[in-house]
C-alpha atoms as a PDB file:
ATOM      1  CA  LEU A   1      -8.828  35.537 -45.406  1.00  0.00           C
ATOM      2  CA  ILE A   2      -6.146  35.203 -42.833  1.00  0.00           C
ATOM      3  CA  VAL A   3      -4.592  38.811 -43.868  1.00  0.00           C
ATOM      4  CA  VAL A   4      -7.462  40.643 -42.008  1.00  0.00           C
ATOM      5  CA  PRO A   5      -6.680  39.107 -38.220  1.00  0.00           C
ATOM      6  CA  CYS A   6      -2.947  39.549 -38.995  1.00  0.00           C
ATOM      7  CA  GLY A   7      -3.319  42.870 -40.490  1.00  0.00           C
ATOM      8  CA  ASP A   8      -5.431  44.290 -37.542  1.00  0.00           C
ATOM      9  CA  MET A   9      -2.873  42.474 -35.086  1.00  0.00           C
ATOM     10  CA  ILE A  10       0.005  44.508 -36.832  1.00  0.00           C
ATOM     11  CA  GLU A  11      -1.942  47.670 -37.264  1.00  0.00           C
ATOM     12  CA  GLY A  12      -2.571  47.756 -33.549  1.00  0.00           C
ATOM     13  CA  LYS A  13       1.343  47.147 -32.447  1.00  0.00           C
ATOM     14  CA  LEU A  14       2.021  50.095 -34.643  1.00  0.00           C
ATOM     15  CA  GLY A  15      -0.529  52.215 -33.700  1.00  0.00           C
ATOM     16  CA  ILE A  16      -2.392  52.617 -36.827  1.00  0.00           C
ATOM     17  CA  GLY A  17      -5.875  54.173 -36.556  1.00  0.00           C
ATOM     18  CA  LEU A  18      -8.935  53.223 -38.673  1.00  0.00           C
ATOM     19  CA  ASP A  19      -8.512  56.629 -40.227  1.00  0.00           C
ATOM     20  CA  GLU A  20      -5.583  56.125 -41.852  1.00  0.00           C
ATOM     21  CA  VAL A  21      -6.712  54.111 -44.709  1.00  0.00           C
ATOM     22  CA  ARG A  22      -3.294  54.169 -46.762  1.00  0.00           C
ATOM     23  CA  LYS A  23      -1.152  52.910 -43.912  1.00  0.00           C
ATOM     24  CA  ARG A  24      -3.562  50.045 -43.320  1.00  0.00           C
ATOM     25  CA  ILE A  25      -3.438  49.299 -47.033  1.00  0.00           C
ATOM     26  CA  ALA A  26       0.383  49.465 -46.999  1.00  0.00           C
ATOM     27  CA  VAL A  27       0.402  46.848 -44.216  1.00  0.00           C
ATOM     28  CA  ARG A  28      -2.046  44.301 -45.634  1.00  0.00           C
ATOM     29  CA  VAL A  29      -0.200  44.731 -49.200  1.00  0.00           C
ATOM     30  CA  LEU A  30       3.208  44.084 -47.548  1.00  0.00           C
ATOM     31  CA  LEU A  31       1.741  40.905 -45.524  1.00  0.00           C
ATOM     32  CA  CYS A  32       0.292  39.517 -48.762  1.00  0.00           C
ATOM     33  CA  MET A  33       4.095  40.217 -50.417  1.00  0.00           C
ATOM     34  CA  LEU A  34       5.842  38.755 -47.703  1.00  0.00           C
ATOM     35  CA  CYS A  35       3.116  35.658 -47.695  1.00  0.00           C
ATOM     36  CA  MET A  36       4.174  35.319 -51.354  1.00  0.00           C
ATOM     37  CA  ILE A  37       8.006  35.355 -50.980  1.00  0.00           C
ATOM     38  CA  VAL A  38       8.289  32.872 -48.159  1.00  0.00           C
ATOM     39  CA  SER A  39       6.082  30.757 -50.313  1.00  0.00           C
ATOM     40  CA  GLU A  40       7.950  30.857 -53.442  1.00  0.00           C
ATOM     41  CA  HIS A  41      11.424  30.606 -51.743  1.00  0.00           C
ATOM     42  CA  ALA A  42      10.441  27.748 -49.506  1.00  0.00           C
ATOM     43  CA  PRO A  43       9.283  24.954 -51.679  1.00  0.00           C
ATOM     44  CA  GLY A  44       8.840  22.476 -48.913  1.00  0.00           C
ATOM     45  CA  PHE A  45       6.908  25.025 -46.683  1.00  0.00           C
ATOM     46  CA  VAL A  46       3.473  23.456 -47.546  1.00  0.00           C
ATOM     47  CA  HIS A  47       4.573  20.249 -45.428  1.00  0.00           C
ATOM     48  CA  VAL A  48       5.346  22.476 -42.510  1.00  0.00           C
ATOM     49  CA  VAL A  49       2.013  24.051 -42.419  1.00  0.00           C
ATOM     50  CA  SER A  50       0.248  21.121 -43.090  1.00  0.00           C
ATOM     51  CA  PHE A  51       2.043  19.373 -39.952  1.00  0.00           C
ATOM     52  CA  ILE A  52       1.454  22.428 -37.638  1.00  0.00           C
ATOM     53  CA  GLY A  53      -2.283  22.470 -38.881  1.00  0.00           C
ATOM     54  CA  CYS A  54      -2.795  18.453 -38.122  1.00  0.00           C
ATOM     55  CA  PHE A  55      -1.116  19.120 -34.667  1.00  0.00           C
ATOM     56  CA  CYS A  56      -3.266  22.087 -33.884  1.00  0.00           C
ATOM     57  CA  ALA A  57      -6.191  20.301 -34.697  1.00  0.00           C
ATOM     58  CA  SER A  58      -5.900  17.169 -32.901  1.00  0.00           C
ATOM     59  CA  ILE A  59      -4.935  19.468 -29.833  1.00  0.00           C
ATOM     60  CA  ILE A  60      -8.062  21.655 -30.205  1.00  0.00           C
ATOM     61  CA  GLY A  61     -10.404  18.573 -31.030  1.00  0.00           C
ATOM     62  CA  PHE A  62      -8.758  16.020 -28.423  1.00  0.00           C
ATOM     63  CA  VAL A  63      -7.020  17.539 -25.773  1.00  0.00           C
ATOM     64  CA  LEU A  64      -8.613  20.832 -24.853  1.00  0.00           C
ATOM     65  CA  PRO A  65     -12.353  19.974 -24.666  1.00  0.00           C
ATOM     66  CA  PRO A  66     -11.713  17.537 -21.586  1.00  0.00           C
ATOM     67  CA  LEU A  67      -9.391  20.044 -19.952  1.00  0.00           C
ATOM     68  CA  PHE A  68     -12.387  22.543 -20.064  1.00  0.00           C
ATOM     69  CA  CYS A  69     -14.527  20.044 -18.874  1.00  0.00           C
ATOM     70  CA  ILE A  70     -12.497  19.459 -15.860  1.00  0.00           C
ATOM     71  CA  GLN A  71     -11.643  22.812 -15.473  1.00  0.00           C
ATOM     72  CA  LEU A  72     -15.196  24.004 -15.735  1.00  0.00           C
ATOM     73  CA  ARG A  73     -16.206  21.126 -12.991  1.00  0.00           C
ATOM     74  CA  HIS A  74     -13.542  22.011 -10.788  1.00  0.00           C
ATOM     75  CA  ASN A  75     -14.793  25.756 -10.880  1.00  0.00           C
ATOM     76  CA  THR A  76     -18.114  25.214 -10.349  1.00  0.00           C
ATOM     77  CA  ARG A  77     -17.625  22.649  -7.331  1.00  0.00           C
ATOM     78  CA  LYS A  78     -15.262  23.528  -4.467  1.00  0.00           C
ATOM     79  CA  ASP A  79     -13.845  20.330  -3.686  1.00  0.00           C
ATOM     80  CA  ASN A  80     -11.044  18.699  -5.568  1.00  0.00           C
ATOM     81  CA  VAL A  81     -11.547  16.758  -8.636  1.00  0.00           C
ATOM     82  CA  THR A  82     -11.613  13.008  -8.408  1.00  0.00           C
ATOM     83  CA  LYS A  83     -10.992  10.451 -10.879  1.00  0.00           C
ATOM     84  CA  MET A  84     -14.643  10.068 -12.065  1.00  0.00           C
ATOM     85  CA  ASP A  85     -14.107  13.599 -13.216  1.00  0.00           C
ATOM     86  CA  PHE A  86     -11.224  12.597 -15.465  1.00  0.00           C
ATOM     87  CA  ILE A  87     -13.269   9.339 -16.427  1.00  0.00           C
ATOM     88  CA  SER A  88     -16.634  11.410 -17.423  1.00  0.00           C
ATOM     89  CA  CYS A  89     -14.997  14.168 -19.150  1.00  0.00           C
END
């Protein structure tokens, strides 16, 4: 599931078009092989990935929504952000 967006990003950086099917397949196979090699040679890698996932989930769930709320309220009103804006978000 993760291979598709990563493959698209790599193909875009390399300038591989949609009509170049063999190159697209090669990029995705190499990406899968790279992931397999990393997972085989780094036995504690699962703990690193779990930590990063938990850290990102907490930021996405608890930090970003209030910041977006404050930013949207500030953009809709032309006056300054008040303390009440921080409390209400």
